[in-house]
Amino acid sequence: MPILFDVKEAAERFDELIERTLRGEVFVICRGGIPIAELTAIPKAAGTMDHVRALAAEGRASVPPGASSNHDEFYDEHGLPK
């Protein structure tokens, strides 16, 4: 359940709210008792480029030796399907 904060109090405690947001809490900012904004953490990206490279290497390791992605046998000399 979101925790409600008045704009002024949220501004005074902004650093604290950011830290708490990173731990998973959600805050609703109100003006005059009316909710106007929500403070939530942005989800982390799927991974870094190192993670992507590791996944690619893992996939390449499962390809049998001599395998190819060349499919020339399916196309004629003009590149059209046979």
N, C-alpha and C. Protein backbone atom coordinates (compact mmCIF):
# COMPACT_ATOMS: atom_id res chain seq x y z
N MET A 1 0.84 -1.17 0.00
CA MET A 1 0.00 0.00 0.00
C MET A 1 0.90 1.24 0.00
N PRO A 2 0.65 2.18 -0.88
CA PRO A 2 1.48 3.39 -0.95
C PRO A 2 1.34 4.24 0.31
N ILE A 3 2.42 4.94 0.62
CA ILE A 3 2.44 5.85 1.75
C ILE A 3 2.22 7.26 1.21
N LEU A 4 1.35 8.03 1.83
CA LEU A 4 1.01 9.37 1.36
C LEU A 4 1.91 10.42 2.01
N PHE A 5 2.35 11.38 1.21
CA PHE A 5 3.15 12.51 1.68
C PHE A 5 2.63 13.78 1.05
N ASP A 6 2.57 14.84 1.82
CA ASP A 6 2.27 16.16 1.28
C ASP A 6 3.49 16.63 0.50
N VAL A 7 3.28 17.47 -0.50
CA VAL A 7 4.37 17.96 -1.35
C VAL A 7 5.50 18.55 -0.52
N LYS A 8 5.17 19.39 0.43
CA LYS A 8 6.20 20.07 1.23
C LYS A 8 7.03 19.06 2.03
N GLU A 9 6.37 18.12 2.68
CA GLU A 9 7.09 17.12 3.46
C GLU A 9 7.93 16.22 2.56
N ALA A 10 7.39 15.86 1.40
CA ALA A 10 8.13 15.03 0.46
C ALA A 10 9.39 15.75 -0.01
N ALA A 11 9.28 17.06 -0.25
CA ALA A 11 10.44 17.84 -0.67
C ALA A 11 11.50 17.87 0.42
N GLU A 12 11.08 18.02 1.66
CA GLU A 12 12.02 18.07 2.79
C GLU A 12 12.71 16.73 3.02
N ARG A 13 12.03 15.63 2.70
CA ARG A 13 12.56 14.29 2.97
C ARG A 13 12.90 13.54 1.69
N PHE A 14 13.16 14.28 0.60
CA PHE A 14 13.33 13.66 -0.71
C PHE A 14 14.42 12.60 -0.74
N ASP A 15 15.60 12.89 -0.19
CA ASP A 15 16.69 11.90 -0.19
C ASP A 15 16.28 10.61 0.51
N GLU A 16 15.61 10.75 1.64
CA GLU A 16 15.14 9.57 2.37
C GLU A 16 14.13 8.78 1.54
N LEU A 17 13.20 9.49 0.89
CA LEU A 17 12.19 8.80 0.07
C LEU A 17 12.82 8.06 -1.10
N ILE A 18 13.84 8.65 -1.69
CA ILE A 18 14.54 7.97 -2.80
C ILE A 18 15.16 6.67 -2.30
N GLU A 19 15.85 6.71 -1.19
CA GLU A 19 16.47 5.50 -0.64
C GLU A 19 15.42 4.44 -0.32
N ARG A 20 14.32 4.84 0.27
CA ARG A 20 13.26 3.90 0.59
C ARG A 20 12.60 3.34 -0.67
N THR A 21 12.50 4.18 -1.69
CA THR A 21 11.94 3.73 -2.96
C THR A 21 12.82 2.64 -3.58
N LEU A 22 14.13 2.81 -3.47
CA LEU A 22 15.05 1.80 -4.00
C LEU A 22 14.92 0.47 -3.26
N ARG A 23 14.38 0.50 -2.06
CA ARG A 23 14.15 -0.73 -1.29
C ARG A 23 12.75 -1.30 -1.55
N GLY A 24 12.00 -0.68 -2.45
CA GLY A 24 10.72 -1.24 -2.87
C GLY A 24 9.47 -0.53 -2.38
N GLU A 25 9.62 0.52 -1.59
CA GLU A 25 8.43 1.24 -1.12
C GLU A 25 7.89 2.16 -2.21
N VAL A 26 6.60 2.43 -2.16
CA VAL A 26 5.94 3.31 -3.12
C VAL A 26 5.30 4.45 -2.33
N PHE A 27 5.46 5.68 -2.84
CA PHE A 27 4.93 6.86 -2.17
C PHE A 27 4.02 7.63 -3.11
N VAL A 28 2.93 8.15 -2.56
CA VAL A 28 2.02 9.01 -3.31
C VAL A 28 2.18 10.42 -2.76
N ILE A 29 2.44 11.36 -3.65
CA ILE A 29 2.61 12.76 -3.27
C ILE A 29 1.27 13.45 -3.46
N CYS A 30 0.85 14.19 -2.42
CA CYS A 30 -0.46 14.85 -2.44
C CYS A 30 -0.31 16.37 -2.33
N ARG A 31 -1.25 17.07 -2.91
CA ARG A 31 -1.35 18.53 -2.75
C ARG A 31 -2.77 18.82 -2.30
N GLY A 32 -2.87 19.37 -1.10
CA GLY A 32 -4.20 19.65 -0.57
C GLY A 32 -5.02 18.40 -0.35
N GLY A 33 -4.35 17.29 -0.03
CA GLY A 33 -5.05 16.03 0.22
C GLY A 33 -5.42 15.25 -1.03
N ILE A 34 -5.09 15.79 -2.21
CA ILE A 34 -5.42 15.12 -3.47
C ILE A 34 -4.14 14.52 -4.07
N PRO A 35 -4.13 13.21 -4.34
CA PRO A 35 -2.94 12.59 -4.93
C PRO A 35 -2.63 13.19 -6.30
N ILE A 36 -1.34 13.56 -6.50
CA ILE A 36 -0.96 14.16 -7.78
C ILE A 36 0.21 13.44 -8.44
N ALA A 37 0.96 12.64 -7.68
CA ALA A 37 2.12 11.96 -8.26
C ALA A 37 2.44 10.71 -7.45
N GLU A 38 3.16 9.80 -8.10
CA GLU A 38 3.59 8.58 -7.44
C GLU A 38 5.10 8.45 -7.59
N LEU A 39 5.77 8.10 -6.52
CA LEU A 39 7.21 7.93 -6.54
C LEU A 39 7.50 6.44 -6.41
N THR A 40 8.05 5.85 -7.48
CA THR A 40 8.40 4.44 -7.50
C THR A 40 9.77 4.30 -8.14
N ALA A 41 10.41 3.18 -7.89
CA ALA A 41 11.71 2.91 -8.51
C ALA A 41 11.51 2.46 -9.95
N ILE A 42 12.43 2.82 -10.81
CA ILE A 42 12.42 2.35 -12.20
C ILE A 42 12.99 0.94 -12.21
N PRO A 43 12.33 -0.01 -12.86
CA PRO A 43 12.86 -1.38 -12.90
C PRO A 43 14.25 -1.41 -13.54
N LYS A 44 15.08 -2.30 -13.02
CA LYS A 44 16.43 -2.43 -13.58
C LYS A 44 16.35 -2.98 -14.98
N ALA A 45 17.33 -2.60 -15.79
CA ALA A 45 17.41 -3.10 -17.17
C ALA A 45 17.65 -4.60 -17.15
N ALA A 46 17.39 -5.25 -18.28
CA ALA A 46 17.54 -6.69 -18.38
C ALA A 46 18.96 -7.15 -18.07
N GLY A 47 19.94 -6.36 -18.39
CA GLY A 47 21.32 -6.75 -18.11
C GLY A 47 22.30 -5.81 -18.78
N THR A 48 23.53 -5.95 -18.40
CA THR A 48 24.58 -5.14 -19.00
C THR A 48 25.04 -5.81 -20.29
N MET A 49 25.87 -5.13 -21.03
CA MET A 49 26.41 -5.71 -22.26
C MET A 49 27.25 -6.94 -21.95
N ASP A 50 27.94 -6.95 -20.81
CA ASP A 50 28.70 -8.14 -20.42
C ASP A 50 27.76 -9.33 -20.24
N HIS A 51 26.59 -9.09 -19.67
CA HIS A 51 25.60 -10.15 -19.51
C HIS A 51 25.12 -10.64 -20.88
N VAL A 52 24.87 -9.73 -21.79
CA VAL A 52 24.42 -10.10 -23.14
C VAL A 52 25.51 -10.91 -23.86
N ARG A 53 26.77 -10.47 -23.73
CA ARG A 53 27.87 -11.21 -24.37
C ARG A 53 28.00 -12.62 -23.78
N ALA A 54 27.82 -12.74 -22.47
CA ALA A 54 27.90 -14.06 -21.84
C ALA A 54 26.79 -14.97 -22.35
N LEU A 55 25.58 -14.44 -22.52
CA LEU A 55 24.48 -15.23 -23.07
C LEU A 55 24.78 -15.66 -24.50
N ALA A 56 25.35 -14.76 -25.30
CA ALA A 56 25.69 -15.10 -26.68
C ALA A 56 26.75 -16.20 -26.72
N ALA A 57 27.75 -16.10 -25.86
CA ALA A 57 28.80 -17.13 -25.81
C ALA A 57 28.21 -18.47 -25.38
N GLU A 58 27.28 -18.45 -24.45
CA GLU A 58 26.61 -19.67 -24.00
C GLU A 58 25.84 -20.31 -25.16
N GLY A 59 25.17 -19.48 -25.95
CA GLY A 59 24.43 -20.01 -27.10
C GLY A 59 25.35 -20.58 -28.17
N ARG A 60 26.47 -19.89 -28.42
CA ARG A 60 27.42 -20.39 -29.41
C ARG A 60 28.04 -21.71 -28.99
N ALA A 61 28.21 -21.91 -27.69
CA ALA A 61 28.83 -23.15 -27.20
C ALA A 61 27.96 -24.36 -27.50
N SER A 62 26.66 -24.17 -27.66
CA SER A 62 25.76 -25.30 -27.91
C SER A 62 25.62 -25.64 -29.40
N VAL A 63 26.25 -24.87 -30.28
CA VAL A 63 26.17 -25.13 -31.72
C VAL A 63 27.20 -26.21 -32.08
N PRO A 64 26.78 -27.28 -32.76
CA PRO A 64 27.72 -28.34 -33.10
C PRO A 64 28.81 -27.85 -34.07
N PRO A 65 30.01 -28.43 -33.99
CA PRO A 65 31.09 -28.03 -34.90
C PRO A 65 30.68 -28.25 -36.35
N GLY A 66 31.04 -27.33 -37.21
CA GLY A 66 30.73 -27.44 -38.63
C GLY A 66 29.35 -26.93 -39.01
N ALA A 67 28.54 -26.56 -38.03
CA ALA A 67 27.20 -26.04 -38.33
C ALA A 67 27.33 -24.66 -38.97
N SER A 68 26.38 -24.34 -39.83
CA SER A 68 26.42 -23.07 -40.53
C SER A 68 25.01 -22.49 -40.64
N SER A 69 24.94 -21.19 -40.76
CA SER A 69 23.65 -20.56 -41.00
C SER A 69 23.46 -20.26 -42.48
N ASN A 70 24.35 -20.79 -43.31
CA ASN A 70 24.27 -20.60 -44.74
C ASN A 70 23.19 -21.53 -45.30
N HIS A 71 22.25 -20.98 -46.04
CA HIS A 71 21.15 -21.78 -46.60
C HIS A 71 21.08 -21.60 -48.12
N ASP A 72 22.23 -21.61 -48.76
CA ASP A 72 22.28 -21.43 -50.21
C ASP A 72 21.49 -22.48 -50.97
N GLU A 73 21.33 -23.69 -50.40
CA GLU A 73 20.63 -24.76 -51.12
C GLU A 73 19.14 -24.44 -51.31
N PHE A 74 18.63 -23.43 -50.60
CA PHE A 74 17.22 -23.07 -50.73
C PHE A 74 16.98 -21.95 -51.75
N TYR A 75 18.06 -21.35 -52.31
CA TYR A 75 17.92 -20.19 -53.18
C TYR A 75 18.65 -20.41 -54.49
N ASP A 76 18.14 -19.82 -55.58
CA ASP A 76 18.81 -19.92 -56.87
C ASP A 76 19.90 -18.87 -56.98
N GLU A 77 20.52 -18.77 -58.16
CA GLU A 77 21.64 -17.84 -58.36
C GLU A 77 21.23 -16.39 -58.27
N HIS A 78 19.92 -16.10 -58.30
CA HIS A 78 19.42 -14.72 -58.20
C HIS A 78 18.95 -14.39 -56.77
N GLY A 79 19.11 -15.34 -55.84
CA GLY A 79 18.69 -15.13 -54.46
C GLY A 79 17.22 -15.37 -54.22
N LEU A 80 16.54 -15.94 -55.23
CA LEU A 80 15.11 -16.23 -55.07
C LEU A 80 14.92 -17.65 -54.57
N PRO A 81 13.85 -17.91 -53.82
CA PRO A 81 13.61 -19.27 -53.33
C PRO A 81 13.45 -20.24 -54.50
N LYS A 82 13.98 -21.45 -54.33
CA LYS A 82 13.86 -22.50 -55.37
C LYS A 82 12.49 -23.10 -55.35
